Amino acid sequence: MKKQLPYLLLMPGSILLIVFLILPLIKVLFPTIYEGTFTVKNYREFFQDAYFMKILIRTLKIAVLCTVISMFLGVPTAYFISRCNKKKRGLLLALTIFPLLTNSVIRSFAWINILGRNGIVNTLLMNAGIIEKPLTLLYTEFSILVGSIYLFLPLMIITVAGTMENIENDLMEAAESLGASRLSAFIKIVLPMSIPGIIVGNILVFTGTLTAYTTPQLLGGNSNLVLATFIYQRAMSLGDWTGAGVVAAVMIAATMVVLRIFNALAAKIDERGEKYA
């Protein structure tokens, strides 16, 4: 009975996963490879269509840029938070988490007011005499990127800060006592020890940006489709569920490839850690 207990505990979750995730996913994806006989025609047409490839490249580009920028902004911020005293650290983490408590639709509408033709940015630039007419900031790839960074940066900060909290200050002090500068000690000691948290943060930000719908829809419009908004258009506007299934499969495959790369990187880091320990 004791040997069967773990399997019994897994059954409720496994049943829910199969019924509400696996089976619907199979129902959506199976028609993309079977039309009386098994075929890859739908996928071949997707990758041969310049318009579809443009959407795929745009989505990957925004996801990569969002991940890289979030990492460069989030790592220093996480380090600062991790080195504050306990009371101040709790306050800063609470402020970091606070935007996540706000609906993404509301946050996107806030950026519409900021980046619109009559928004805050254009108003300030025109009043300062820097520009003569409003800039086109909204409904562009730039606006999607800005909104995505704002949306997912807290995930990067929280993840990396949790890792850096476990790094003792004594290591930095020891490095500085041996002649290393503060920056050099951070790069050679804190940063390598924070790599696991950075990798997890990158995965969260990349997959979140790649699959996000609300922010690209509201800030990018129909002229800057990404995979998530393209799926909605194919399925709900055009009624092409097979086409939507192809796009969904491509999105899942892209996500799995990136996860595989990050997992390989993490395994390589662990291997080096064992080698030099």
Protein backbone atom coordinates (compact mmCIF):
# COMPACT_ATOMS: atom_id res chain seq x y z
CA MET A 1 0.00 0.00 0.00
CA LYS A 2 2.85 2.38 0.85
CA LYS A 3 4.38 1.82 -2.59
CA GLN A 4 1.08 2.67 -4.26
CA LEU A 5 0.44 5.80 -2.18
CA PRO A 6 2.57 8.18 -4.34
CA TYR A 7 0.72 7.02 -7.47
CA LEU A 8 -2.65 7.50 -5.77
CA LEU A 9 -1.67 11.02 -4.77
CA LEU A 10 -0.66 11.78 -8.36
CA MET A 11 -3.90 10.50 -9.86
CA PRO A 12 -6.20 13.54 -9.27
CA GLY A 13 -3.69 15.97 -10.75
CA SER A 14 -2.84 13.61 -13.61
CA ILE A 15 -6.51 13.17 -14.51
CA LEU A 16 -7.09 16.93 -14.54
CA LEU A 17 -3.96 17.43 -16.64
CA ILE A 18 -5.03 14.82 -19.19
CA VAL A 19 -8.67 15.93 -19.41
CA PHE A 20 -8.18 19.69 -19.49
CA LEU A 21 -4.77 20.02 -21.18
CA ILE A 22 -3.53 16.95 -23.05
CA LEU A 23 -6.80 15.91 -24.73
CA PRO A 24 -7.81 19.46 -25.85
CA LEU A 25 -4.27 19.98 -27.15
CA ILE A 26 -4.43 16.74 -29.15
CA LYS A 27 -7.86 17.73 -30.51
CA VAL A 28 -6.44 21.05 -31.74
CA LEU A 29 -3.14 19.74 -33.14
CA PHE A 30 -4.21 16.42 -34.64
CA PRO A 31 -6.12 17.98 -37.62
CA THR A 32 -2.93 19.84 -38.56
CA ILE A 33 -1.16 16.56 -39.40
CA TYR A 34 -4.10 14.37 -40.49
CA GLU A 35 -6.43 15.09 -43.42
CA GLY A 36 -7.54 11.62 -44.39
CA THR A 37 -3.87 10.68 -44.28
CA PHE A 38 -0.90 11.94 -42.32
CA THR A 39 0.66 15.02 -43.91
CA VAL A 40 2.98 17.93 -43.11
CA LYS A 41 1.46 20.12 -45.83
CA ASN A 42 0.08 22.67 -43.37
CA TYR A 43 3.48 23.15 -41.72
CA ARG A 44 5.28 23.32 -45.06
CA GLU A 45 2.88 26.06 -46.19
CA PHE A 46 3.43 27.95 -42.94
CA PHE A 47 7.22 28.05 -43.31
CA GLN A 48 7.00 28.86 -47.02
CA ASP A 49 4.69 31.83 -46.48
CA ALA A 50 6.66 35.08 -46.11
CA TYR A 51 3.86 36.75 -44.11
CA PHE A 52 3.71 33.90 -41.58
CA MET A 53 7.50 33.88 -41.23
CA LYS A 54 7.48 37.63 -40.64
CA ILE A 55 5.11 37.14 -37.71
CA LEU A 56 7.24 34.32 -36.32
CA ILE A 57 10.45 36.36 -36.58
CA ARG A 58 8.76 39.39 -35.00
CA THR A 59 7.55 37.28 -32.08
CA LEU A 60 10.96 35.70 -31.48
CA LYS A 61 12.71 39.06 -31.81
CA ILE A 62 10.46 40.74 -29.26
CA ALA A 63 10.79 37.77 -26.87
CA VAL A 64 14.60 37.74 -27.13
CA LEU A 65 14.93 41.52 -26.73
CA CYS A 66 12.53 41.53 -23.78
CA THR A 67 14.52 38.73 -22.11
CA VAL A 68 17.90 40.39 -22.65
CA ILE A 69 16.76 43.84 -21.53
CA SER A 70 14.93 42.40 -18.51
CA MET A 71 18.10 40.53 -17.54
CA PHE A 72 20.31 43.64 -17.75
CA LEU A 73 17.76 45.70 -15.80
CA GLY A 74 16.73 42.99 -13.37
CA VAL A 75 20.10 41.59 -12.24
CA PRO A 76 21.49 44.89 -10.80
CA THR A 77 18.12 45.66 -9.24
CA ALA A 78 17.93 42.19 -7.70
CA TYR A 79 21.46 42.57 -6.34
CA PHE A 80 20.59 45.91 -4.73
CA ILE A 81 17.45 44.43 -3.15
CA SER A 82 19.30 41.35 -1.89
CA ARG A 83 21.89 43.51 -0.10
CA CYS A 84 19.35 45.65 1.76
CA ASN A 85 18.41 44.92 5.35
CA LYS A 86 15.51 42.54 5.93
CA LYS A 87 12.87 45.22 6.49
CA LYS A 88 13.84 47.30 3.47
CA ARG A 89 14.24 44.19 1.32
CA GLY A 90 10.68 43.10 2.14
CA LEU A 91 9.35 46.54 1.21
CA LEU A 92 11.23 46.61 -2.10
CA LEU A 93 10.10 43.09 -3.00
CA ALA A 94 6.52 44.07 -2.20
CA LEU A 95 6.83 47.08 -4.51
CA THR A 96 8.28 44.81 -7.18
CA ILE A 97 5.42 42.34 -6.88
CA PHE A 98 2.73 45.05 -6.72
CA PRO A 99 2.44 45.55 -10.54
CA LEU A 100 1.75 41.82 -10.88
CA LEU A 101 -1.38 42.33 -8.80
CA THR A 102 -2.77 44.68 -11.45
CA ASN A 103 -4.57 43.24 -14.46
CA SER A 104 -2.46 43.24 -17.64
CA VAL A 105 -5.30 44.98 -19.53
CA ILE A 106 -5.18 47.93 -17.14
CA ARG A 107 -1.40 48.13 -17.43
CA SER A 108 -1.62 48.06 -21.21
CA PHE A 109 -4.17 50.87 -21.24
CA ALA A 110 -1.81 52.87 -19.04
CA TRP A 111 0.89 52.51 -21.71
CA ILE A 112 -1.62 53.60 -24.36
CA ASN A 113 -2.02 56.86 -22.43
CA ILE A 114 1.75 57.20 -22.14
CA LEU A 115 2.76 56.34 -25.74
CA GLY A 116 -0.26 57.63 -27.68
CA ARG A 117 -0.10 60.57 -30.10
CA ASN A 118 -1.56 62.78 -27.38
CA GLY A 119 0.09 60.80 -24.60
CA ILE A 120 2.49 61.86 -21.90
CA VAL A 121 5.70 61.23 -23.88
CA ASN A 122 4.67 63.14 -26.98
CA THR A 123 3.20 65.99 -24.92
CA LEU A 124 6.44 66.42 -22.95
CA LEU A 125 8.63 66.27 -26.06
CA MET A 126 6.48 68.80 -27.93
CA ASN A 127 6.29 71.18 -24.95
CA ALA A 128 10.08 70.97 -24.65
CA GLY A 129 10.45 71.86 -28.33
CA ILE A 130 12.29 68.62 -29.13
CA ILE A 131 9.75 67.52 -31.74
CA GLU A 132 7.27 69.44 -33.87
CA LYS A 133 4.70 66.69 -34.39
CA PRO A 134 3.80 63.60 -32.36
CA LEU A 135 5.95 60.51 -32.78
CA THR A 136 4.40 57.18 -33.74
CA LEU A 137 5.18 55.22 -30.57
CA LEU A 138 1.95 53.29 -30.17
CA TYR A 139 0.94 50.27 -32.27
CA THR A 140 4.55 49.44 -33.08
CA GLU A 141 7.00 46.69 -32.15
CA PHE A 142 8.57 49.21 -29.77
CA SER A 143 5.35 49.62 -27.80
CA ILE A 144 4.93 45.83 -27.56
CA LEU A 145 8.50 45.52 -26.29
CA VAL A 146 8.08 48.27 -23.70
CA GLY A 147 4.80 46.81 -22.46
CA SER A 148 6.30 43.30 -22.30
CA ILE A 149 9.33 44.47 -20.32
CA TYR A 150 7.08 46.24 -17.85
CA LEU A 151 4.93 43.12 -17.64
CA PHE A 152 7.66 40.53 -17.03
CA LEU A 153 10.58 42.43 -15.46
CA PRO A 154 9.24 41.79 -11.92
CA LEU A 155 9.53 38.04 -12.54
CA MET A 156 13.21 38.43 -13.39
CA ILE A 157 13.89 40.60 -10.32
CA ILE A 158 12.08 38.31 -7.89
CA THR A 159 13.74 35.15 -9.24
CA VAL A 160 17.29 36.54 -9.23
CA ALA A 161 16.87 38.31 -5.89
CA GLY A 162 15.86 35.00 -4.30
CA THR A 163 19.12 33.46 -5.52
CA MET A 164 21.32 36.40 -4.52
CA GLU A 165 19.92 36.48 -1.00
CA ASN A 166 21.72 33.19 -0.33
CA ILE A 167 25.13 34.58 -1.35
CA GLU A 168 27.03 35.66 1.74
CA ASN A 169 28.45 39.19 1.94
CA ASP A 170 31.64 37.67 3.32
CA LEU A 171 32.55 36.49 -0.18
CA MET A 172 32.43 40.03 -1.55
CA GLU A 173 34.39 41.36 1.43
CA ALA A 174 37.03 38.67 0.99
CA ALA A 175 37.43 39.51 -2.70
CA GLU A 176 37.71 43.22 -1.95
CA SER A 177 40.30 42.56 0.78
CA LEU A 178 42.40 40.77 -1.85
CA GLY A 179 42.37 43.84 -4.10
CA ALA A 180 39.29 43.30 -6.27
CA SER A 181 37.06 46.26 -6.99
CA ARG A 182 33.39 46.14 -6.09
CA LEU A 183 32.42 45.69 -9.75
CA SER A 184 35.09 43.03 -10.35
CA ALA A 185 33.99 41.11 -7.25
CA PHE A 186 30.38 41.24 -8.41
CA ILE A 187 31.24 39.98 -11.91
CA LYS A 188 33.56 37.19 -10.75
CA ILE A 189 31.73 36.01 -7.62
CA VAL A 190 28.10 37.09 -7.33
CA LEU A 191 27.19 36.84 -11.01
CA PRO A 192 28.41 33.24 -11.56
CA MET A 193 26.70 32.09 -8.37
CA SER A 194 23.47 33.75 -9.55
CA ILE A 195 23.41 31.99 -12.93
CA PRO A 196 20.76 29.38 -11.91
CA GLY A 197 18.36 32.14 -10.87
CA ILE A 198 19.14 34.16 -14.00
CA ILE A 199 18.42 31.15 -16.20
CA VAL A 200 15.07 30.54 -14.49
CA GLY A 201 14.24 34.25 -14.82
CA ASN A 202 15.14 34.19 -18.53
CA ILE A 203 12.89 31.16 -19.07
CA LEU A 204 9.96 32.86 -17.32
CA VAL A 205 10.38 36.11 -19.24
CA PHE A 206 10.96 34.49 -22.65
CA THR A 207 8.07 32.03 -22.47
CA GLY A 208 5.78 34.69 -21.00
CA THR A 209 6.62 37.18 -23.76
CA LEU A 210 6.40 34.55 -26.49
CA THR A 211 2.90 33.48 -25.46
CA ALA A 212 1.48 36.82 -24.25
CA TYR A 213 -1.75 37.96 -25.93
CA THR A 214 -3.23 40.98 -24.16
CA THR A 215 -0.21 43.30 -24.29
CA PRO A 216 0.63 42.70 -28.00
CA GLN A 217 -3.05 43.00 -28.95
CA LEU A 218 -3.59 46.31 -27.18
CA LEU A 219 -0.19 47.91 -27.85
CA GLY A 220 0.64 46.37 -31.22
CA GLY A 221 -2.72 46.38 -32.95
CA ASN A 222 -3.55 44.37 -36.05
CA SER A 223 -0.57 45.74 -37.99
CA ASN A 224 1.98 44.13 -35.66
CA LEU A 225 0.69 40.63 -35.09
CA VAL A 226 2.62 38.14 -32.97
CA LEU A 227 1.97 34.41 -32.73
CA ALA A 228 -0.58 34.70 -29.89
CA THR A 229 -2.65 37.39 -31.62
CA PHE A 230 -2.27 35.57 -34.93
CA ILE A 231 -3.77 32.42 -33.39
CA TYR A 232 -6.77 34.42 -32.19
CA GLN A 233 -7.21 35.99 -35.63
CA ARG A 234 -7.05 32.64 -37.44
CA ALA A 235 -9.42 30.89 -35.04
CA MET A 236 -11.96 33.52 -34.01
CA SER A 237 -12.00 35.95 -36.94
CA LEU A 238 -11.37 33.58 -39.86
CA GLY A 239 -12.65 30.35 -38.33
CA ASP A 240 -9.51 28.56 -39.51
CA TRP A 241 -8.91 26.25 -36.56
CA THR A 242 -6.46 24.11 -38.50
CA GLY A 243 -4.35 27.15 -39.31
CA ALA A 244 -4.57 28.26 -35.68
CA GLY A 245 -3.45 24.78 -34.62
CA VAL A 246 -0.40 25.03 -36.88
CA VAL A 247 0.57 28.37 -35.34
CA ALA A 248 0.02 26.93 -31.85
CA ALA A 249 2.25 23.95 -32.69
CA VAL A 250 4.98 26.28 -33.96
CA MET A 251 4.74 28.33 -30.76
CA ILE A 252 4.98 25.20 -28.60
CA ALA A 253 7.96 23.95 -30.63
CA ALA A 254 9.75 27.30 -30.32
CA THR A 255 9.16 27.31 -26.58
CA MET A 256 10.46 23.75 -26.22
CA VAL A 257 13.60 24.55 -28.22
CA VAL A 258 14.39 27.54 -26.02
CA LEU A 259 13.73 25.54 -22.85
CA ARG A 260 16.06 22.85 -24.20
CA ILE A 261 18.78 25.45 -24.76
CA PHE A 262 18.41 26.86 -21.25
CA ASN A 263 18.39 23.37 -19.72
CA ALA A 264 21.57 22.49 -21.62
CA LEU A 265 23.16 25.70 -20.39
CA ALA A 266 22.15 24.93 -16.81
CA ALA A 267 23.55 21.39 -17.13
CA LYS A 268 26.81 22.81 -18.49
CA ILE A 269 27.08 25.17 -15.55
CA ASP A 270 26.45 22.33 -13.09
CA GLU A 271 29.12 20.28 -14.87
CA ARG A 272 31.63 23.09 -14.51
CA GLY A 273 30.68 23.50 -10.88
CA GLU A 274 31.40 19.83 -10.20
CA LYS A 275 34.64 20.01 -12.17
CA TYR A 276 36.13 22.96 -10.33
CA ALA A 277 34.70 22.21 -6.89
